[in-house]
C-alpha atoms as a PDB file:
ATOM      1  CA  MET A   1       3.544  82.616 -40.587  1.00  0.00           C
ATOM      2  CA  LYS A   2       0.124  81.689 -40.061  1.00  0.00           C
ATOM      3  CA  VAL A   3      -3.298  83.103 -40.482  1.00  0.00           C
ATOM      4  CA  VAL A   4      -6.447  82.040 -38.961  1.00  0.00           C
ATOM      5  CA  ILE A   5      -9.962  82.781 -40.949  1.00  0.00           C
ATOM      6  CA  GLY A   6     -13.001  82.420 -39.223  1.00  0.00           C
ATOM      7  CA  HIS A   7     -15.508  81.365 -41.892  1.00  0.00           C
ATOM      8  CA  LEU A   8     -19.078  82.091 -40.459  1.00  0.00           C
ATOM      9  CA  TYR A   9     -22.070  79.877 -41.137  1.00  0.00           C
ATOM     10  CA  PRO A  10     -20.174  77.953 -44.140  1.00  0.00           C
ATOM     11  CA  ASP A  11     -23.280  75.492 -44.110  1.00  0.00           C
ATOM     12  CA  TYR A  12     -25.896  78.133 -44.375  1.00  0.00           C
ATOM     13  CA  LEU A  13     -24.365  81.160 -46.359  1.00  0.00           C
ATOM     14  CA  ASN A  14     -22.612  79.902 -49.524  1.00  0.00           C
ATOM     15  CA  ILE A  15     -24.577  80.498 -52.649  1.00  0.00           C
ATOM     16  CA  TYR A  16     -23.491  81.677 -55.709  1.00  0.00           C
ATOM     17  CA  ALA A  17     -19.554  80.036 -55.325  1.00  0.00           C
ATOM     18  CA  ASP A  18     -19.113  82.335 -52.338  1.00  0.00           C
ATOM     19  CA  ARG A  19     -17.011  79.322 -50.554  1.00  0.00           C
ATOM     20  CA  GLY A  20     -14.806  79.679 -53.456  1.00  0.00           C
ATOM     21  CA  ASN A  21     -13.217  82.873 -51.939  1.00  0.00           C
ATOM     22  CA  ILE A  22     -11.897  80.616 -48.974  1.00  0.00           C
ATOM     23  CA  ALA A  23     -10.289  78.758 -51.550  1.00  0.00           C
ATOM     24  CA  VAL A  24      -8.534  81.758 -53.069  1.00  0.00           C
ATOM     25  CA  PHE A  25      -7.055  82.542 -49.871  1.00  0.00           C
ATOM     26  CA  GLU A  26      -5.966  79.256 -49.214  1.00  0.00           C
ATOM     27  CA  ARG A  27      -4.068  78.772 -52.429  1.00  0.00           C
ATOM     28  CA  ARG A  28      -2.501  82.470 -52.354  1.00  0.00           C
ATOM     29  CA  ALA A  29      -1.427  82.075 -49.010  1.00  0.00           C
ATOM     30  CA  ALA A  30       0.021  78.637 -49.913  1.00  0.00           C
ATOM     31  CA  TRP A  31       1.827  79.672 -53.157  1.00  0.00           C
ATOM     32  CA  ARG A  32       3.570  82.350 -50.332  1.00  0.00           C
ATOM     33  CA  GLY A  33       4.491  79.555 -48.079  1.00  0.00           C
ATOM     34  CA  ILE A  34       2.040  80.917 -45.572  1.00  0.00           C
ATOM     35  CA  GLU A  35       0.032  78.983 -43.061  1.00  0.00           C
ATOM     36  CA  LEU A  36      -3.668  79.170 -43.222  1.00  0.00           C
ATOM     37  CA  GLU A  37      -6.272  77.556 -41.136  1.00  0.00           C
ATOM     38  CA  VAL A  38     -10.127  78.053 -41.680  1.00  0.00           C
ATOM     39  CA  ASP A  39     -11.774  77.989 -38.482  1.00  0.00           C
ATOM     40  CA  GLU A  40     -16.035  76.976 -39.400  1.00  0.00           C
ATOM     41  CA  VAL A  41     -18.237  79.108 -37.011  1.00  0.00           C
ATOM     42  CA  GLY A  42     -21.689  77.941 -36.832  1.00  0.00           C
ATOM     43  CA  PRO A  43     -24.664  78.413 -35.008  1.00  0.00           C
ATOM     44  CA  GLY A  44     -24.011  78.121 -31.155  1.00  0.00           C
ATOM     45  CA  ASP A  45     -20.046  78.589 -31.724  1.00  0.00           C
ATOM     46  CA  GLU A  46     -18.193  81.450 -30.302  1.00  0.00           C
ATOM     47  CA  VAL A  47     -16.141  84.033 -32.019  1.00  0.00           C
ATOM     48  CA  ARG A  48     -13.410  83.852 -29.595  1.00  0.00           C
ATOM     49  CA  PRO A  49     -11.387  86.996 -28.749  1.00  0.00           C
ATOM     50  CA  GLY A  50      -8.093  87.322 -30.789  1.00  0.00           C
ATOM     51  CA  ALA A  51      -8.730  83.959 -32.538  1.00  0.00           C
ATOM     52  CA  HIS A  52      -9.227  84.987 -35.993  1.00  0.00           C
ATOM     53  CA  ASP A  53      -7.261  87.399 -38.433  1.00  0.00           C
ATOM     54  CA  LEU A  54      -9.728  87.412 -40.585  1.00  0.00           C
ATOM     55  CA  LEU A  55     -13.629  86.870 -40.832  1.00  0.00           C
ATOM     56  CA  TYR A  56     -15.527  85.517 -43.891  1.00  0.00           C
ATOM     57  CA  ILE A  57     -19.338  85.499 -44.269  1.00  0.00           C
ATOM     58  CA  GLY A  58     -21.079  84.680 -47.371  1.00  0.00           C
ATOM     59  CA  GLY A  59     -24.518  84.981 -48.933  1.00  0.00           C
ATOM     60  CA  GLY A  60     -27.502  83.114 -48.548  1.00  0.00           C
ATOM     61  CA  GLN A  61     -31.320  82.832 -49.268  1.00  0.00           C
ATOM     62  CA  ASP A  62     -33.582  84.870 -47.049  1.00  0.00           C
ATOM     63  CA  ARG A  63     -34.796  81.450 -45.350  1.00  0.00           C
ATOM     64  CA  GLU A  64     -31.247  80.678 -44.347  1.00  0.00           C
ATOM     65  CA  GLN A  65     -30.630  84.418 -43.308  1.00  0.00           C
ATOM     66  CA  ALA A  66     -33.643  84.673 -41.386  1.00  0.00           C
ATOM     67  CA  LEU A  67     -32.471  81.219 -39.579  1.00  0.00           C
ATOM     68  CA  ILE A  68     -28.754  82.476 -38.451  1.00  0.00           C
ATOM     69  CA  ALA A  69     -29.647  86.091 -38.170  1.00  0.00           C
ATOM     70  CA  PRO A  70     -30.354  85.727 -34.367  1.00  0.00           C
ATOM     71  CA  ASP A  71     -27.390  83.720 -33.716  1.00  0.00           C
ATOM     72  CA  LEU A  72     -25.303  86.402 -35.659  1.00  0.00           C
ATOM     73  CA  ALA A  73     -26.918  89.436 -33.692  1.00  0.00           C
ATOM     74  CA  ALA A  74     -25.797  87.351 -30.482  1.00  0.00           C
ATOM     75  CA  LYS A  75     -22.112  87.346 -31.720  1.00  0.00           C
ATOM     76  CA  GLY A  76     -22.583  90.753 -32.768  1.00  0.00           C
ATOM     77  CA  GLU A  77     -20.236  92.016 -29.935  1.00  0.00           C
ATOM     78  CA  SER A  78     -17.838  89.721 -30.461  1.00  0.00           C
ATOM     79  CA  VAL A  79     -17.759  90.511 -34.434  1.00  0.00           C
ATOM     80  CA  MET A  80     -17.583  94.176 -33.646  1.00  0.00           C
ATOM     81  CA  ALA A  81     -14.432  93.749 -31.123  1.00  0.00           C
ATOM     82  CA  ALA A  82     -12.607  91.672 -33.127  1.00  0.00           C
ATOM     83  CA  VAL A  83     -12.630  94.084 -35.879  1.00  0.00           C
ATOM     84  CA  GLN A  84     -11.699  96.994 -33.395  1.00  0.00           C
ATOM     85  CA  ARG A  85      -8.644  95.170 -32.388  1.00  0.00           C
ATOM     86  CA  GLY A  86      -7.529  94.827 -36.023  1.00  0.00           C
ATOM     87  CA  ALA A  87      -8.711  91.619 -37.517  1.00  0.00           C
ATOM     88  CA  ALA A  88      -9.904  92.174 -41.304  1.00  0.00           C
ATOM     89  CA  LEU A  89     -13.263  91.066 -42.546  1.00  0.00           C
ATOM     90  CA  LEU A  90     -15.106  90.545 -45.827  1.00  0.00           C
ATOM     91  CA  ALA A  91     -19.025  89.916 -45.873  1.00  0.00           C
ATOM     92  CA  VAL A  92     -20.824  89.177 -49.145  1.00  0.00           C
ATOM     93  CA  CYS A  93     -24.331  89.644 -49.888  1.00  0.00           C
ATOM     94  CA  GLY A  94     -26.634  88.521 -47.341  1.00  0.00           C
ATOM     95  CA  GLY A  95     -23.879  88.655 -44.979  1.00  0.00           C
ATOM     96  CA  TYR A  96     -22.809  92.148 -45.926  1.00  0.00           C
ATOM     97  CA  GLN A  97     -26.952  93.007 -45.558  1.00  0.00           C
ATOM     98  CA  LEU A  98     -26.797  91.304 -41.701  1.00  0.00           C
ATOM     99  CA  LEU A  99     -23.498  93.085 -40.767  1.00  0.00           C
ATOM    100  CA  GLY A 100     -25.772  96.291 -41.136  1.00  0.00           C
ATOM    101  CA  ARG A 101     -28.403  97.358 -38.812  1.00  0.00           C
ATOM    102  CA  PHE A 102     -31.207  95.205 -39.845  1.00  0.00           C
ATOM    103  CA  TYR A 103     -32.956  93.961 -43.174  1.00  0.00           C
ATOM    104  CA  ARG A 104     -36.449  94.104 -43.658  1.00  0.00           C
ATOM    105  CA  ASP A 105     -38.394  91.823 -45.920  1.00  0.00           C
ATOM    106  CA  ARG A 106     -41.219  92.338 -48.594  1.00  0.00           C
ATOM    107  CA  SER A 107     -43.807  91.906 -45.738  1.00  0.00           C
ATOM    108  CA  GLY A 108     -42.306  94.583 -43.474  1.00  0.00           C
ATOM    109  CA  ALA A 109     -40.537  92.316 -41.066  1.00  0.00           C
ATOM    110  CA  GLU A 110     -37.292  92.905 -40.109  1.00  0.00           C
ATOM    111  CA  LEU A 111     -34.020  90.603 -39.243  1.00  0.00           C
ATOM    112  CA  PRO A 112     -31.504  92.200 -36.664  1.00  0.00           C
ATOM    113  CA  GLY A 113     -28.252  92.969 -37.835  1.00  0.00           C
ATOM    114  CA  VAL A 114     -24.691  93.325 -36.161  1.00  0.00           C
ATOM    115  CA  GLY A 115     -24.510  96.923 -36.730  1.00  0.00           C
ATOM    116  CA  LEU A 116     -21.046  96.861 -37.513  1.00  0.00           C
ATOM    117  CA  PHE A 117     -21.716  98.754 -40.876  1.00  0.00           C
ATOM    118  CA  PRO A 118     -23.717 101.764 -40.844  1.00  0.00           C
ATOM    119  CA  LEU A 119     -26.489 101.081 -43.154  1.00  0.00           C
ATOM    120  CA  TYR A 120     -29.920  99.130 -43.482  1.00  0.00           C
ATOM    121  CA  THR A 121     -31.300  97.211 -46.126  1.00  0.00           C
ATOM    122  CA  VAL A 122     -35.082  96.963 -47.476  1.00  0.00           C
ATOM    123  CA  ALA A 123     -36.488  94.242 -49.986  1.00  0.00           C
ATOM    124  CA  GLY A 124     -37.288  95.582 -53.113  1.00  0.00           C
ATOM    125  CA  GLU A 125     -39.940  94.234 -55.906  1.00  0.00           C
ATOM    126  CA  ARG A 126     -37.585  93.429 -58.673  1.00  0.00           C
ATOM    127  CA  ARG A 127     -33.989  92.196 -58.252  1.00  0.00           C
ATOM    128  CA  MET A 128     -30.976  93.787 -59.408  1.00  0.00           C
ATOM    129  CA  ILE A 129     -28.748  91.275 -61.746  1.00  0.00           C
ATOM    130  CA  GLY A 130     -26.182  91.623 -63.817  1.00  0.00           C
ATOM    131  CA  ASP A 131     -22.245  92.207 -63.908  1.00  0.00           C
ATOM    132  CA  VAL A 132     -20.758  95.011 -61.909  1.00  0.00           C
ATOM    133  CA  LEU A 133     -17.894  97.020 -62.189  1.00  0.00           C
ATOM    134  CA  LEU A 134     -16.436  99.158 -58.924  1.00  0.00           C
ATOM    135  CA  GLU A 135     -13.661 102.031 -58.886  1.00  0.00           C
ATOM    136  CA  CYS A 136     -12.499 101.756 -55.272  1.00  0.00           C
ATOM    137  CA  GLU A 137      -9.143 102.888 -53.382  1.00  0.00           C
ATOM    138  CA  LEU A 138      -8.247 101.182 -50.329  1.00  0.00           C
ATOM    139  CA  GLU A 139      -4.930 102.908 -50.175  1.00  0.00           C
ATOM    140  CA  PRO A 140      -4.184 106.300 -50.454  1.00  0.00           C
ATOM    141  CA  GLY A 141      -3.761 107.285 -54.071  1.00  0.00           C
ATOM    142  CA  ALA A 142      -3.953 103.228 -55.340  1.00  0.00           C
ATOM    143  CA  ARG A 143      -7.407 103.370 -57.468  1.00  0.00           C
ATOM    144  CA  ARG A 144      -8.259  99.885 -58.511  1.00  0.00           C
ATOM    145  CA  THR A 145     -11.519  98.106 -60.099  1.00  0.00           C
ATOM    146  CA  LEU A 146     -13.460  95.418 -58.707  1.00  0.00           C
ATOM    147  CA  ALA A 147     -15.167  93.388 -61.247  1.00  0.00           C
ATOM    148  CA  GLY A 148     -17.951  90.782 -60.209  1.00  0.00           C
ATOM    149  CA  PHE A 149     -21.672  89.389 -60.398  1.00  0.00           C
ATOM    150  CA  GLU A 150     -24.558  90.987 -58.595  1.00  0.00           C
ATOM    151  CA  ASN A 151     -27.963  89.565 -57.946  1.00  0.00           C
ATOM    152  CA  HIS A 152     -29.882  90.808 -54.872  1.00  0.00           C
ATOM    153  CA  ALA A 153     -33.376  92.153 -54.345  1.00  0.00           C
ATOM    154  CA  GLY A 154     -32.257  94.225 -51.353  1.00  0.00           C
ATOM    155  CA  ARG A 155     -31.846  97.952 -51.560  1.00  0.00           C
ATOM    156  CA  THR A 156     -29.052  98.870 -49.240  1.00  0.00           C
ATOM    157  CA  TYR A 157     -28.686 102.527 -47.770  1.00  0.00           C
ATOM    158  CA  LEU A 158     -25.596 103.715 -46.037  1.00  0.00           C
ATOM    159  CA  ASP A 159     -26.112 106.011 -43.377  1.00  0.00           C
ATOM    160  CA  GLU A 160     -24.729 109.662 -44.087  1.00  0.00           C
ATOM    161  CA  GLY A 161     -21.041 109.897 -43.781  1.00  0.00           C
ATOM    162  CA  ALA A 162     -20.756 106.355 -44.186  1.00  0.00           C
ATOM    163  CA  GLU A 163     -17.768 105.346 -46.682  1.00  0.00           C
ATOM    164  CA  PRO A 164     -18.758 102.987 -49.370  1.00  0.00           C
ATOM    165  CA  LEU A 165     -16.368 100.018 -50.749  1.00  0.00           C
ATOM    166  CA  GLY A 166     -16.621 101.846 -54.276  1.00  0.00           C
ATOM    167  CA  ARG A 167     -18.151 103.774 -56.663  1.00  0.00           C
ATOM    168  CA  VAL A 168     -20.211 101.906 -59.525  1.00  0.00           C
ATOM    169  CA  VAL A 169     -19.031 102.193 -63.400  1.00  0.00           C
ATOM    170  CA  ALA A 170     -21.250  99.721 -64.491  1.00  0.00           C
ATOM    171  CA  GLY A 171     -23.886  97.784 -62.760  1.00  0.00           C
ATOM    172  CA  PHE A 172     -26.532  98.829 -59.981  1.00  0.00           C
ATOM    173  CA  GLY A 173     -24.553  98.621 -56.649  1.00  0.00           C
ATOM    174  CA  ASN A 174     -26.398  98.998 -53.227  1.00  0.00           C
ATOM    175  CA  ASP A 175     -29.602 100.536 -54.189  1.00  0.00           C
ATOM    176  CA  GLY A 176     -29.521 101.142 -57.951  1.00  0.00           C
ATOM    177  CA  GLU A 177     -29.402 104.715 -57.855  1.00  0.00           C
ATOM    178  CA  SER A 178     -26.987 106.361 -55.373  1.00  0.00           C
ATOM    179  CA  GLY A 179     -23.935 105.024 -57.531  1.00  0.00           C
ATOM    180  CA  LEU A 180     -22.330 103.539 -54.270  1.00  0.00           C
ATOM    181  CA  GLU A 181     -21.309  99.849 -53.623  1.00  0.00           C
ATOM    182  CA  GLY A 182     -20.874  98.137 -50.438  1.00  0.00           C
ATOM    183  CA  CYS A 183     -19.652  99.455 -47.446  1.00  0.00           C
ATOM    184  CA  ARG A 184     -16.175 100.282 -45.309  1.00  0.00           C
ATOM    185  CA  VAL A 185     -15.387 100.263 -41.829  1.00  0.00           C
ATOM    186  CA  GLY A 186     -11.547 100.216 -41.549  1.00  0.00           C
ATOM    187  CA  ARG A 187     -10.283  96.908 -42.590  1.00  0.00           C
ATOM    188  CA  ALA A 188     -13.846  95.432 -42.742  1.00  0.00           C
ATOM    189  CA  LEU A 189     -15.342  95.345 -46.002  1.00  0.00           C
ATOM    190  CA  GLY A 190     -19.113  94.508 -47.120  1.00  0.00           C
ATOM    191  CA  THR A 191     -20.014  94.236 -50.760  1.00  0.00           C
ATOM    192  CA  TYR A 192     -22.955  92.488 -53.216  1.00  0.00           C
ATOM    193  CA  LEU A 193     -20.339  91.238 -55.692  1.00  0.00           C
ATOM    194  CA  HIS A 194     -20.457  87.184 -56.265  1.00  0.00           C
ATOM    195  CA  GLY A 195     -18.591  85.616 -58.885  1.00  0.00           C
ATOM    196  CA  PRO A 196     -16.739  84.760 -56.582  1.00  0.00           C
ATOM    197  CA  LEU A 197     -15.369  87.685 -56.041  1.00  0.00           C
ATOM    198  CA  LEU A 198     -11.690  87.222 -54.873  1.00  0.00           C
ATOM    199  CA  PRO A 199     -10.579  84.768 -58.235  1.00  0.00           C
ATOM    200  CA  ARG A 200     -11.397  87.706 -60.455  1.00  0.00           C
ATOM    201  CA  ASN A 201      -9.879  90.195 -57.944  1.00  0.00           C
ATOM    202  CA  PRO A 202      -6.840  88.535 -56.819  1.00  0.00           C
ATOM    203  CA  TRP A 203      -5.410  92.329 -55.627  1.00  0.00           C
ATOM    204  CA  LEU A 204      -8.201  92.355 -53.259  1.00  0.00           C
ATOM    205  CA  ALA A 205      -7.307  88.774 -51.674  1.00  0.00           C
ATOM    206  CA  ASP A 206      -4.172  89.755 -51.180  1.00  0.00           C
ATOM    207  CA  TRP A 207      -5.031  93.231 -49.505  1.00  0.00           C
ATOM    208  CA  LEU A 208      -7.285  91.078 -46.920  1.00  0.00           C
ATOM    209  CA  LEU A 209      -4.417  88.650 -46.444  1.00  0.00           C
ATOM    210  CA  ALA A 210      -1.877  91.362 -45.623  1.00  0.00           C
ATOM    211  CA  GLN A 211      -4.416  93.053 -43.132  1.00  0.00           C
ATOM    212  CA  ALA A 212      -4.931  89.681 -41.545  1.00  0.00           C
ATOM    213  CA  LEU A 213      -1.121  89.421 -41.227  1.00  0.00           C
ATOM    214  CA  ARG A 214      -0.656  92.638 -39.754  1.00  0.00           C
ATOM    215  CA  HIS A 215      -3.174  91.805 -36.971  1.00  0.00           C
ATOM    216  CA  ARG A 216      -1.126  88.437 -36.728  1.00  0.00           C
ATOM    217  CA  LEU A 217       2.089  89.663 -36.445  1.00  0.00           C
ATOM    218  CA  GLY A 218       1.459  93.339 -35.477  1.00  0.00           C
ATOM    219  CA  GLU A 219       3.170  94.798 -38.136  1.00  0.00           C
ATOM    220  CA  ALA A 220       2.675  95.494 -42.158  1.00  0.00           C
ATOM    221  CA  LEU A 221       4.242  92.912 -44.317  1.00  0.00           C
ATOM    222  CA  ALA A 222       4.745  93.115 -47.928  1.00  0.00           C
ATOM    223  CA  LEU A 223       3.253  90.079 -49.703  1.00  0.00           C
ATOM    224  CA  GLU A 224       5.682  88.386 -52.572  1.00  0.00           C
ATOM    225  CA  GLU A 225       3.985  89.230 -55.970  1.00  0.00           C
ATOM    226  CA  LEU A 226       2.230  86.206 -57.571  1.00  0.00           C
ATOM    227  CA  GLU A 227       1.805  85.362 -61.523  1.00  0.00           C
ATOM    228  CA  ASP A 228      -1.447  86.571 -62.045  1.00  0.00           C
ATOM    229  CA  SER A 229      -1.950  86.709 -65.777  1.00  0.00           C
ATOM    230  CA  LEU A 230      -4.830  84.306 -65.557  1.00  0.00           C
ATOM    231  CA  GLU A 231      -6.572  85.912 -62.845  1.00  0.00           C
ATOM    232  CA  ALA A 232      -5.916  89.492 -64.986  1.00  0.00           C
ATOM    233  CA  GLU A 233      -7.424  87.677 -67.748  1.00  0.00           C
ATOM    234  CA  ALA A 234     -10.621  86.498 -65.684  1.00  0.00           C
ATOM    235  CA  HIS A 235     -10.664  90.514 -64.323  1.00  0.00           C
ATOM    236  CA  ALA A 236     -10.609  92.020 -68.014  1.00  0.00           C
ATOM    237  CA  VAL A 237     -13.582  89.530 -68.994  1.00  0.00           C
ATOM    238  CA  SER A 238     -15.638  90.441 -66.059  1.00  0.00           C
ATOM    239  CA  SER A 239     -15.156  93.889 -66.478  1.00  0.00           C
ATOM    240  CA  ALA A 240     -16.187  94.232 -70.677  1.00  0.00           C
ATOM    241  CA  ARG A 241     -19.296  91.915 -69.415  1.00  0.00           C
ATOM    242  CA  ALA A 242     -19.988  94.844 -67.115  1.00  0.00           C
ATOM    243  CA  HIS A 243     -19.375  97.632 -69.601  1.00  0.00           C
ATOM    244  CA  GLU A 244     -21.512  95.684 -72.212  1.00  0.00           C
ATOM    245  CA  ARG A 245     -24.528  94.790 -70.164  1.00  0.00           C
ATOM    246  CA  GLY A 246     -24.154  96.323 -66.829  1.00  0.00           C
ATOM    247  CA  GLY A 247     -26.836  95.928 -64.500  1.00  0.00           C
ATOM    248  CA  ARG A 248     -30.253  96.118 -66.049  1.00  0.00           C
ATOM    249  CA  TYR A 249     -33.586  94.266 -65.284  1.00  0.00           C
END
């Protein structure tokens, strides 16, 4: 079995250890005997039809986001087509913002977005920083928690009827007010959670790997269970910090 991940702009959108999410995919695939290839997609490169089972885009500073935003917008139709064909996607922080309709900075200038996620983001005056804990349900009846760390000035607003990734138990979330965090469109997930996200939440890594395999094989496949006691401890520590500190200015 083989899975191909398209890693978008790894040299630009790679802050807060977001590259660690790729390392988690690599290890959890290898432990199960699954071959995993990472295809780095930079400015000027194509998102080739059918080439990727999972797309990943991390977070970056405003300067880097501004540098790659026009190129990402030009790739927009290809990214959306990949998701519509069943590829999975994970977008973190800046990547999440740029997959919405637009990002408006404090000067009022707008960066174009892809429009995959039904949302927009406006830069705020104060950053929202702290540990965060979400409750989410990616499969009917399977309620789980996600723990991570958020550090963003952008306030992200979902369109009416849009599906959030989860609801905030502790922390700020998309805008510090709605109680919502992230966005979901089918197998595509967007979130502000750094940490990196996946080492603290191995179940989410496995969910995304399973979706990627489903895209590759054309059928659902149950993944072998792994021994995740260390990861569970990391999740518990992160969750406790979120409850203790939450997100506050």
